[in-house]
Amino acid sequence: MTKAIRIIVTLSLVALFASVVLTGCSKHPNQEQLQLLEETKQAALAAEQELADCEKTQAEVKSQLADKKQELANVQQEKTDVSSRLAAMGE
């Protein structure tokens, strides 16, 4: 029984060693990994730029909305003033 366990352990260690050797463990990434990293980096930079553009557009739209709300309030006040003057003239 112990001999079988030793054989299994030995074969497992050999398989592990062989997989490490065959997969090419290295300290440096290969060209394909570097290219993938560069593509991912470019995609991230493009997404960040698009986010900045969207935030800028959103700020502009919010500013325009605030201007339009102020303009609406002014027109409503003017309407109220004109209505009250017309009512005063009619009396």
PDB file of N, CA and C in Angstrom:
ATOM      1  N   MET A   1       0.818  -1.187   0.000  1.00  0.00           N
ATOM      2  CA  MET A   1       0.000   0.000   0.000  1.00  0.00           C
ATOM      3  C   MET A   1       0.870   1.263   0.000  1.00  0.00           C
ATOM      4  N   THR A   2       1.877   1.324   0.826  1.00  0.00           N
ATOM      5  CA  THR A   2       2.739   2.499   0.859  1.00  0.00           C
ATOM      6  C   THR A   2       3.545   2.622  -0.417  1.00  0.00           C
ATOM      7  N   LYS A   3       3.859   1.483  -1.033  1.00  0.00           N
ATOM      8  CA  LYS A   3       4.600   1.531  -2.289  1.00  0.00           C
ATOM      9  C   LYS A   3       3.740   2.158  -3.377  1.00  0.00           C
ATOM     10  N   ALA A   4       2.458   1.860  -3.372  1.00  0.00           N
ATOM     11  CA  ALA A   4       1.536   2.444  -4.354  1.00  0.00           C
ATOM     12  C   ALA A   4       1.414   3.945  -4.128  1.00  0.00           C
ATOM     13  N   ILE A   5       1.359   4.364  -2.894  1.00  0.00           N
ATOM     14  CA  ILE A   5       1.254   5.790  -2.570  1.00  0.00           C
ATOM     15  C   ILE A   5       2.518   6.510  -3.023  1.00  0.00           C
ATOM     16  N   ARG A   6       3.701   5.890  -2.807  1.00  0.00           N
ATOM     17  CA  ARG A   6       4.963   6.490  -3.241  1.00  0.00           C
ATOM     18  C   ARG A   6       4.991   6.642  -4.762  1.00  0.00           C
ATOM     19  N   ILE A   7       4.516   5.638  -5.446  1.00  0.00           N
ATOM     20  CA  ILE A   7       4.495   5.696  -6.911  1.00  0.00           C
ATOM     21  C   ILE A   7       3.566   6.815  -7.382  1.00  0.00           C
ATOM     22  N   ILE A   8       2.413   6.919  -6.758  1.00  0.00           N
ATOM     23  CA  ILE A   8       1.447   7.965  -7.129  1.00  0.00           C
ATOM     24  C   ILE A   8       2.032   9.343  -6.845  1.00  0.00           C
ATOM     25  N   VAL A   9       2.644   9.508  -5.697  1.00  0.00           N
ATOM     26  CA  VAL A   9       3.251  10.787  -5.341  1.00  0.00           C
ATOM     27  C   VAL A   9       4.387  11.121  -6.304  1.00  0.00           C
ATOM     28  N   THR A  10       5.227  10.146  -6.622  1.00  0.00           N
ATOM     29  CA  THR A  10       6.334  10.360  -7.539  1.00  0.00           C
ATOM     30  C   THR A  10       5.824  10.732  -8.925  1.00  0.00           C
ATOM     31  N   LEU A  11       4.829  10.023  -9.417  1.00  0.00           N
ATOM     32  CA  LEU A  11       4.256  10.340 -10.724  1.00  0.00           C
ATOM     33  C   LEU A  11       3.614  11.729 -10.730  1.00  0.00           C
ATOM     34  N   SER A  12       2.976  12.076  -9.639  1.00  0.00           N
ATOM     35  CA  SER A  12       2.367  13.407  -9.539  1.00  0.00           C
ATOM     36  C   SER A  12       3.424  14.495  -9.581  1.00  0.00           C
ATOM     37  N   LEU A  13       4.526  14.278  -8.866  1.00  0.00           N
ATOM     38  CA  LEU A  13       5.607  15.262  -8.871  1.00  0.00           C
ATOM     39  C   LEU A  13       6.248  15.365 -10.252  1.00  0.00           C
ATOM     40  N   VAL A  14       6.424  14.247 -10.916  1.00  0.00           N
ATOM     41  CA  VAL A  14       6.990  14.261 -12.267  1.00  0.00           C
ATOM     42  C   VAL A  14       6.048  14.996 -13.215  1.00  0.00           C
ATOM     43  N   ALA A  15       4.751  14.735 -13.100  1.00  0.00           N
ATOM     44  CA  ALA A  15       3.772  15.415 -13.950  1.00  0.00           C
ATOM     45  C   ALA A  15       3.773  16.916 -13.681  1.00  0.00           C
ATOM     46  N   LEU A  16       3.854  17.298 -12.428  1.00  0.00           N
ATOM     47  CA  LEU A  16       3.891  18.714 -12.072  1.00  0.00           C
ATOM     48  C   LEU A  16       5.149  19.378 -12.639  1.00  0.00           C
ATOM     49  N   PHE A  17       6.285  18.735 -12.469  1.00  0.00           N
ATOM     50  CA  PHE A  17       7.542  19.267 -12.989  1.00  0.00           C
ATOM     51  C   PHE A  17       7.489  19.383 -14.510  1.00  0.00           C
ATOM     52  N   ALA A  18       6.959  18.368 -15.158  1.00  0.00           N
ATOM     53  CA  ALA A  18       6.869  18.379 -16.622  1.00  0.00           C
ATOM     54  C   ALA A  18       5.941  19.498 -17.094  1.00  0.00           C
ATOM     55  N   SER A  19       4.845  19.714 -16.388  1.00  0.00           N
ATOM     56  CA  SER A  19       3.928  20.782 -16.804  1.00  0.00           C
ATOM     57  C   SER A  19       4.568  22.152 -16.647  1.00  0.00           C
ATOM     58  N   VAL A  20       5.357  22.337 -15.612  1.00  0.00           N
ATOM     59  CA  VAL A  20       6.051  23.607 -15.420  1.00  0.00           C
ATOM     60  C   VAL A  20       7.089  23.813 -16.519  1.00  0.00           C
ATOM     61  N   VAL A  21       7.829  22.785 -16.838  1.00  0.00           N
ATOM     62  CA  VAL A  21       8.861  22.884 -17.864  1.00  0.00           C
ATOM     63  C   VAL A  21       8.234  23.103 -19.237  1.00  0.00           C
ATOM     64  N   LEU A  22       7.170  22.390 -19.538  1.00  0.00           N
ATOM     65  CA  LEU A  22       6.561  22.475 -20.857  1.00  0.00           C
ATOM     66  C   LEU A  22       5.800  23.776 -21.090  1.00  0.00           C
ATOM     67  N   THR A  23       5.251  24.370 -20.039  1.00  0.00           N
ATOM     68  CA  THR A  23       4.500  25.610 -20.220  1.00  0.00           C
ATOM     69  C   THR A  23       5.423  26.816 -20.356  1.00  0.00           C
ATOM     70  N   GLY A  24       6.668  26.633 -20.082  1.00  0.00           N
ATOM     71  CA  GLY A  24       7.627  27.709 -20.303  1.00  0.00           C
ATOM     72  C   GLY A  24       7.509  28.823 -19.291  1.00  0.00           C
ATOM     73  N   CYS A  25       7.538  28.510 -18.051  1.00  0.00           N
ATOM     74  CA  CYS A  25       7.523  29.521 -17.000  1.00  0.00           C
ATOM     75  C   CYS A  25       8.698  30.473 -17.224  1.00  0.00           C
ATOM     76  N   SER A  26       8.403  31.727 -17.346  1.00  0.00           N
ATOM     77  CA  SER A  26       9.472  32.706 -17.524  1.00  0.00           C
ATOM     78  C   SER A  26       9.148  33.957 -16.748  1.00  0.00           C
ATOM     79  N   LYS A  27      10.147  34.777 -16.576  1.00  0.00           N
ATOM     80  CA  LYS A  27       9.962  36.011 -15.829  1.00  0.00           C
ATOM     81  C   LYS A  27       9.336  37.099 -16.677  1.00  0.00           C
ATOM     82  N   HIS A  28       9.450  36.982 -17.996  1.00  0.00           N
ATOM     83  CA  HIS A  28       9.008  38.039 -18.890  1.00  0.00           C
ATOM     84  C   HIS A  28       7.837  37.569 -19.753  1.00  0.00           C
ATOM     85  N   PRO A  29       6.906  38.478 -20.036  1.00  0.00           N
ATOM     86  CA  PRO A  29       5.780  38.104 -20.901  1.00  0.00           C
ATOM     87  C   PRO A  29       6.235  37.944 -22.348  1.00  0.00           C
ATOM     88  N   ASN A  30       5.498  37.117 -23.077  1.00  0.00           N
ATOM     89  CA  ASN A  30       5.847  36.931 -24.489  1.00  0.00           C
ATOM     90  C   ASN A  30       5.207  38.028 -25.328  1.00  0.00           C
ATOM     91  N   GLN A  31       5.491  38.036 -26.620  1.00  0.00           N
ATOM     92  CA  GLN A  31       5.026  39.099 -27.513  1.00  0.00           C
ATOM     93  C   GLN A  31       3.504  39.167 -27.565  1.00  0.00           C
ATOM     94  N   GLU A  32       2.856  38.013 -27.575  1.00  0.00           N
ATOM     95  CA  GLU A  32       1.386  37.988 -27.629  1.00  0.00           C
ATOM     96  C   GLU A  32       0.781  38.622 -26.383  1.00  0.00           C
ATOM     97  N   GLN A  33       1.358  38.320 -25.230  1.00  0.00           N
ATOM     98  CA  GLN A  33       0.872  38.913 -23.985  1.00  0.00           C
ATOM     99  C   GLN A  33       1.108  40.419 -23.959  1.00  0.00           C
ATOM    100  N   LEU A  34       2.247  40.857 -24.481  1.00  0.00           N
ATOM    101  CA  LEU A  34       2.528  42.294 -24.535  1.00  0.00           C
ATOM    102  C   LEU A  34       1.550  43.010 -25.460  1.00  0.00           C
ATOM    103  N   GLN A  35       1.238  42.377 -26.590  1.00  0.00           N
ATOM    104  CA  GLN A  35       0.288  42.975 -27.527  1.00  0.00           C
ATOM    105  C   GLN A  35      -1.094  43.065 -26.896  1.00  0.00           C
ATOM    106  N   LEU A  36      -1.512  42.002 -26.208  1.00  0.00           N
ATOM    107  CA  LEU A  36      -2.809  42.004 -25.537  1.00  0.00           C
ATOM    108  C   LEU A  36      -2.852  43.088 -24.457  1.00  0.00           C
ATOM    109  N   LEU A  37      -1.756  43.224 -23.733  1.00  0.00           N
ATOM    110  CA  LEU A  37      -1.676  44.259 -22.702  1.00  0.00           C
ATOM    111  C   LEU A  37      -1.794  45.651 -23.319  1.00  0.00           C
ATOM    112  N   GLU A  38      -1.117  45.868 -24.432  1.00  0.00           N
ATOM    113  CA  GLU A  38      -1.165  47.168 -25.101  1.00  0.00           C
ATOM    114  C   GLU A  38      -2.577  47.463 -25.621  1.00  0.00           C
ATOM    115  N   GLU A  39      -3.229  46.452 -26.200  1.00  0.00           N
ATOM    116  CA  GLU A  39      -4.595  46.643 -26.694  1.00  0.00           C
ATOM    117  C   GLU A  39      -5.552  46.964 -25.544  1.00  0.00           C
ATOM    118  N   THR A  40      -5.367  46.280 -24.432  1.00  0.00           N
ATOM    119  CA  THR A  40      -6.206  46.538 -23.258  1.00  0.00           C
ATOM    120  C   THR A  40      -5.963  47.941 -22.724  1.00  0.00           C
ATOM    121  N   LYS A  41      -4.704  48.347 -22.708  1.00  0.00           N
ATOM    122  CA  LYS A  41      -4.363  49.695 -22.242  1.00  0.00           C
ATOM    123  C   LYS A  41      -4.995  50.753 -23.148  1.00  0.00           C
ATOM    124  N   GLN A  42      -4.914  50.552 -24.470  1.00  0.00           N
ATOM    125  CA  GLN A  42      -5.505  51.499 -25.410  1.00  0.00           C
ATOM    126  C   GLN A  42      -7.022  51.566 -25.247  1.00  0.00           C
ATOM    127  N   ALA A  43      -7.638  50.407 -25.034  1.00  0.00           N
ATOM    128  CA  ALA A  43      -9.092  50.381 -24.832  1.00  0.00           C
ATOM    129  C   ALA A  43      -9.472  51.124 -23.553  1.00  0.00           C
ATOM    130  N   ALA A  44      -8.680  50.957 -22.513  1.00  0.00           N
ATOM    131  CA  ALA A  44      -8.957  51.655 -21.251  1.00  0.00           C
ATOM    132  C   ALA A  44      -8.800  53.167 -21.423  1.00  0.00           C
ATOM    133  N   LEU A  45      -7.754  53.581 -22.123  1.00  0.00           N
ATOM    134  CA  LEU A  45      -7.548  55.014 -22.360  1.00  0.00           C
ATOM    135  C   LEU A  45      -8.683  55.608 -23.194  1.00  0.00           C
ATOM    136  N   ALA A  46      -9.128  54.853 -24.200  1.00  0.00           N
ATOM    137  CA  ALA A  46     -10.235  55.329 -25.031  1.00  0.00           C
ATOM    138  C   ALA A  46     -11.514  55.443 -24.207  1.00  0.00           C
ATOM    139  N   ALA A  47     -11.747  54.474 -23.333  1.00  0.00           N
ATOM    140  CA  ALA A  47     -12.940  54.519 -22.485  1.00  0.00           C
ATOM    141  C   ALA A  47     -12.870  55.696 -21.518  1.00  0.00           C
ATOM    142  N   GLU A  48     -11.704  55.971 -20.970  1.00  0.00           N
ATOM    143  CA  GLU A  48     -11.549  57.115 -20.069  1.00  0.00           C
ATOM    144  C   GLU A  48     -11.789  58.427 -20.813  1.00  0.00           C
ATOM    145  N   GLN A  49     -11.302  58.533 -22.040  1.00  0.00           N
ATOM    146  CA  GLN A  49     -11.522  59.744 -22.838  1.00  0.00           C
ATOM    147  C   GLN A  49     -13.002  59.913 -23.151  1.00  0.00           C
ATOM    148  N   GLU A  50     -13.660  58.807 -23.496  1.00  0.00           N
ATOM    149  CA  GLU A  50     -15.091  58.870 -23.790  1.00  0.00           C
ATOM    150  C   GLU A  50     -15.878  59.289 -22.547  1.00  0.00           C
ATOM    151  N   LEU A  51     -15.470  58.783 -21.384  1.00  0.00           N
ATOM    152  CA  LEU A  51     -16.116  59.178 -20.136  1.00  0.00           C
ATOM    153  C   LEU A  51     -15.938  60.674 -19.893  1.00  0.00           C
ATOM    154  N   ALA A  52     -14.731  61.182 -20.102  1.00  0.00           N
ATOM    155  CA  ALA A  52     -14.474  62.609 -19.903  1.00  0.00           C
ATOM    156  C   ALA A  52     -15.330  63.441 -20.858  1.00  0.00           C
ATOM    157  N   ASP A  53     -15.444  62.998 -22.112  1.00  0.00           N
ATOM    158  CA  ASP A  53     -16.277  63.706 -23.088  1.00  0.00           C
ATOM    159  C   ASP A  53     -17.745  63.710 -22.661  1.00  0.00           C
ATOM    160  N   CYS A  54     -18.216  62.556 -22.188  1.00  0.00           N
ATOM    161  CA  CYS A  54     -19.614  62.466 -21.738  1.00  0.00           C
ATOM    162  C   CYS A  54     -19.867  63.360 -20.526  1.00  0.00           C
ATOM    163  N   GLU A  55     -18.912  63.398 -19.599  1.00  0.00           N
ATOM    164  CA  GLU A  55     -19.068  64.249 -18.425  1.00  0.00           C
ATOM    165  C   GLU A  55     -19.089  65.718 -18.824  1.00  0.00           C
ATOM    166  N   LYS A  56     -18.266  66.090 -19.788  1.00  0.00           N
ATOM    167  CA  LYS A  56     -18.237  67.474 -20.269  1.00  0.00           C
ATOM    168  C   LYS A  56     -19.571  67.824 -20.928  1.00  0.00           C
ATOM    169  N   THR A  57     -20.075  66.924 -21.763  1.00  0.00           N
ATOM    170  CA  THR A  57     -21.366  67.145 -22.422  1.00  0.00           C
ATOM    171  C   THR A  57     -22.481  67.256 -21.386  1.00  0.00           C
ATOM    172  N   GLN A  58     -22.431  66.392 -20.388  1.00  0.00           N
ATOM    173  CA  GLN A  58     -23.450  66.427 -19.338  1.00  0.00           C
ATOM    174  C   GLN A  58     -23.423  67.770 -18.595  1.00  0.00           C
ATOM    175  N   ALA A  59     -22.231  68.262 -18.297  1.00  0.00           N
ATOM    176  CA  ALA A  59     -22.113  69.553 -17.607  1.00  0.00           C
ATOM    177  C   ALA A  59     -22.676  70.676 -18.468  1.00  0.00           C
ATOM    178  N   GLU A  60     -22.407  70.633 -19.768  1.00  0.00           N
ATOM    179  CA  GLU A  60     -22.941  71.654 -20.668  1.00  0.00           C
ATOM    180  C   GLU A  60     -24.462  71.607 -20.725  1.00  0.00           C
ATOM    181  N   VAL A  61     -25.014  70.394 -20.803  1.00  0.00           N
ATOM    182  CA  VAL A  61     -26.469  70.240 -20.864  1.00  0.00           C
ATOM    183  C   VAL A  61     -27.111  70.709 -19.555  1.00  0.00           C
ATOM    184  N   LYS A  62     -26.488  70.407 -18.430  1.00  0.00           N
ATOM    185  CA  LYS A  62     -27.025  70.867 -17.144  1.00  0.00           C
ATOM    186  C   LYS A  62     -27.002  72.394 -17.074  1.00  0.00           C
ATOM    187  N   SER A  63     -25.949  72.996 -17.595  1.00  0.00           N
ATOM    188  CA  SER A  63     -25.857  74.447 -17.610  1.00  0.00           C
ATOM    189  C   SER A  63     -26.961  75.043 -18.484  1.00  0.00           C
ATOM    190  N   GLN A  64     -27.172  74.454 -19.657  1.00  0.00           N
ATOM    191  CA  GLN A  64     -28.238  74.925 -20.553  1.00  0.00           C
ATOM    192  C   GLN A  64     -29.605  74.767 -19.890  1.00  0.00           C
ATOM    193  N   LEU A  65     -29.801  73.663 -19.175  1.00  0.00           N
ATOM    194  CA  LEU A  65     -31.069  73.434 -18.483  1.00  0.00           C
ATOM    195  C   LEU A  65     -31.299  74.498 -17.413  1.00  0.00           C
ATOM    196  N   ALA A  66     -30.255  74.812 -16.654  1.00  0.00           N
ATOM    197  CA  ALA A  66     -30.384  75.850 -15.627  1.00  0.00           C
ATOM    198  C   ALA A  66     -30.720  77.194 -16.259  1.00  0.00           C
ATOM    199  N   ASP A  67     -30.087  77.513 -17.393  1.00  0.00           N
ATOM    200  CA  ASP A  67     -30.381  78.765 -18.094  1.00  0.00           C
ATOM    201  C   ASP A  67     -31.837  78.802 -18.555  1.00  0.00           C
ATOM    202  N   LYS A  68     -32.306  77.694 -19.109  1.00  0.00           N
ATOM    203  CA  LYS A  68     -33.691  77.633 -19.602  1.00  0.00           C
ATOM    204  C   LYS A  68     -34.690  77.721 -18.454  1.00  0.00           C
ATOM    205  N   LYS A  69     -34.368  77.110 -17.332  1.00  0.00           N
ATOM    206  CA  LYS A  69     -35.262  77.213 -16.171  1.00  0.00           C
ATOM    207  C   LYS A  69     -35.341  78.653 -15.685  1.00  0.00           C
ATOM    208  N   GLN A  70     -34.208  79.335 -15.669  1.00  0.00           N
ATOM    209  CA  GLN A  70     -34.201  80.739 -15.254  1.00  0.00           C
ATOM    210  C   GLN A  70     -35.001  81.585 -16.231  1.00  0.00           C
ATOM    211  N   GLU A  71     -34.814  81.318 -17.525  1.00  0.00           N
ATOM    212  CA  GLU A  71     -35.562  82.039 -18.550  1.00  0.00           C
ATOM    213  C   GLU A  71     -37.063  81.791 -18.394  1.00  0.00           C
ATOM    214  N   LEU A  72     -37.443  80.554 -18.101  1.00  0.00           N
ATOM    215  CA  LEU A  72     -38.850  80.227 -17.888  1.00  0.00           C
ATOM    216  C   LEU A  72     -39.413  80.980 -16.681  1.00  0.00           C
ATOM    217  N   ALA A  73     -38.649  81.018 -15.608  1.00  0.00           N
ATOM    218  CA  ALA A  73     -39.102  81.735 -14.416  1.00  0.00           C
ATOM    219  C   ALA A  73     -39.284  83.222 -14.720  1.00  0.00           C
ATOM    220  N   ASN A  74     -38.366  83.798 -15.495  1.00  0.00           N
ATOM    221  CA  ASN A  74     -38.481  85.213 -15.860  1.00  0.00           C
ATOM    222  C   ASN A  74     -39.725  85.468 -16.717  1.00  0.00           C
ATOM    223  N   VAL A  75     -39.970  84.588 -17.681  1.00  0.00           N
ATOM    224  CA  VAL A  75     -41.134  84.753 -18.557  1.00  0.00           C
ATOM    225  C   VAL A  75     -42.430  84.579 -17.765  1.00  0.00           C
ATOM    226  N   GLN A  76     -42.445  83.629 -16.837  1.00  0.00           N
ATOM    227  CA  GLN A  76     -43.647  83.445 -16.017  1.00  0.00           C
ATOM    228  C   GLN A  76     -43.903  84.666 -15.136  1.00  0.00           C
ATOM    229  N   GLN A  77     -42.833  85.242 -14.606  1.00  0.00           N
ATOM    230  CA  GLN A  77     -42.988  86.450 -13.785  1.00  0.00           C
ATOM    231  C   GLN A  77     -43.501  87.608 -14.641  1.00  0.00           C
ATOM    232  N   GLU A  78     -42.953  87.723 -15.849  1.00  0.00           N
ATOM    233  CA  GLU A  78     -43.410  88.777 -16.756  1.00  0.00           C
ATOM    234  C   GLU A  78     -44.881  88.569 -17.112  1.00  0.00           C
ATOM    235  N   LYS A  79     -45.284  87.359 -17.328  1.00  0.00           N
ATOM    236  CA  LYS A  79     -46.686  87.050 -17.639  1.00  0.00           C
ATOM    237  C   LYS A  79     -47.589  87.450 -16.479  1.00  0.00           C
ATOM    238  N   THR A  80     -47.137  87.150 -15.275  1.00  0.00           N
ATOM    239  CA  THR A  80     -47.921  87.522 -14.097  1.00  0.00           C
ATOM    240  C   THR A  80     -48.036  89.035 -13.986  1.00  0.00           C
ATOM    241  N   ASP A  81     -46.916  89.728 -14.232  1.00  0.00           N
ATOM    242  CA  ASP A  81     -46.930  91.189 -14.165  1.00  0.00           C
ATOM    243  C   ASP A  81     -47.864  91.785 -15.218  1.00  0.00           C
ATOM    244  N   VAL A  82     -47.810  91.266 -16.441  1.00  0.00           N
ATOM    245  CA  VAL A  82     -48.665  91.771 -17.510  1.00  0.00           C
ATOM    246  C   VAL A  82     -50.126  91.488 -17.197  1.00  0.00           C
ATOM    247  N   SER A  83     -50.405  90.308 -16.681  1.00  0.00           N
ATOM    248  CA  SER A  83     -51.791  89.964 -16.334  1.00  0.00           C
ATOM    249  C   SER A  83     -52.337  90.887 -15.250  1.00  0.00           C
ATOM    250  N   SER A  84     -51.494  91.175 -14.264  1.00  0.00           N
ATOM    251  CA  SER A  84     -51.966  92.059 -13.189  1.00  0.00           C
ATOM    252  C   SER A  84     -52.155  93.489 -13.703  1.00  0.00           C
ATOM    253  N   ARG A  85     -51.307  93.940 -14.614  1.00  0.00           N
ATOM    254  CA  ARG A  85     -51.486  95.284 -15.196  1.00  0.00           C
ATOM    255  C   ARG A  85     -52.753  95.359 -16.049  1.00  0.00           C
ATOM    256  N   LEU A  86     -53.002  94.291 -16.812  1.00  0.00           N
ATOM    257  CA  LEU A  86     -54.226  94.263 -17.618  1.00  0.00           C
ATOM    258  C   LEU A  86     -55.471  94.261 -16.747  1.00  0.00           C
ATOM    259  N   ALA A  87     -55.394  93.522 -15.653  1.00  0.00           N
ATOM    260  CA  ALA A  87     -56.541  93.496 -14.739  1.00  0.00           C
ATOM    261  C   ALA A  87     -56.743  94.870 -14.111  1.00  0.00           C
ATOM    262  N   ALA A  88     -55.655  95.574 -13.815  1.00  0.00           N
ATOM    263  CA  ALA A  88     -55.767  96.904 -13.214  1.00  0.00           C
ATOM    264  C   ALA A  88     -56.319  97.898 -14.217  1.00  0.00           C
ATOM    265  N   MET A  89     -55.999  97.744 -15.492  1.00  0.00           N
ATOM    266  CA  MET A  89     -56.497  98.635 -16.537  1.00  0.00           C
ATOM    267  C   MET A  89     -57.990  98.405 -16.780  1.00  0.00           C
ATOM    268  N   GLY A  90     -58.391  97.165 -16.638  1.00  0.00           N
ATOM    269  CA  GLY A  90     -59.797  96.821 -16.917  1.00  0.00           C
ATOM    270  C   GLY A  90     -60.732  97.266 -15.815  1.00  0.00           C
ATOM    271  N   GLU A  91     -60.244  97.587 -14.680  1.00  0.00           N
ATOM    272  CA  GLU A  91     -61.131  97.949 -13.589  1.00  0.00           C
ATOM    273  C   GLU A  91     -61.609  99.335 -13.668  1.00  0.00           C
TER     274      GLU A  91
END
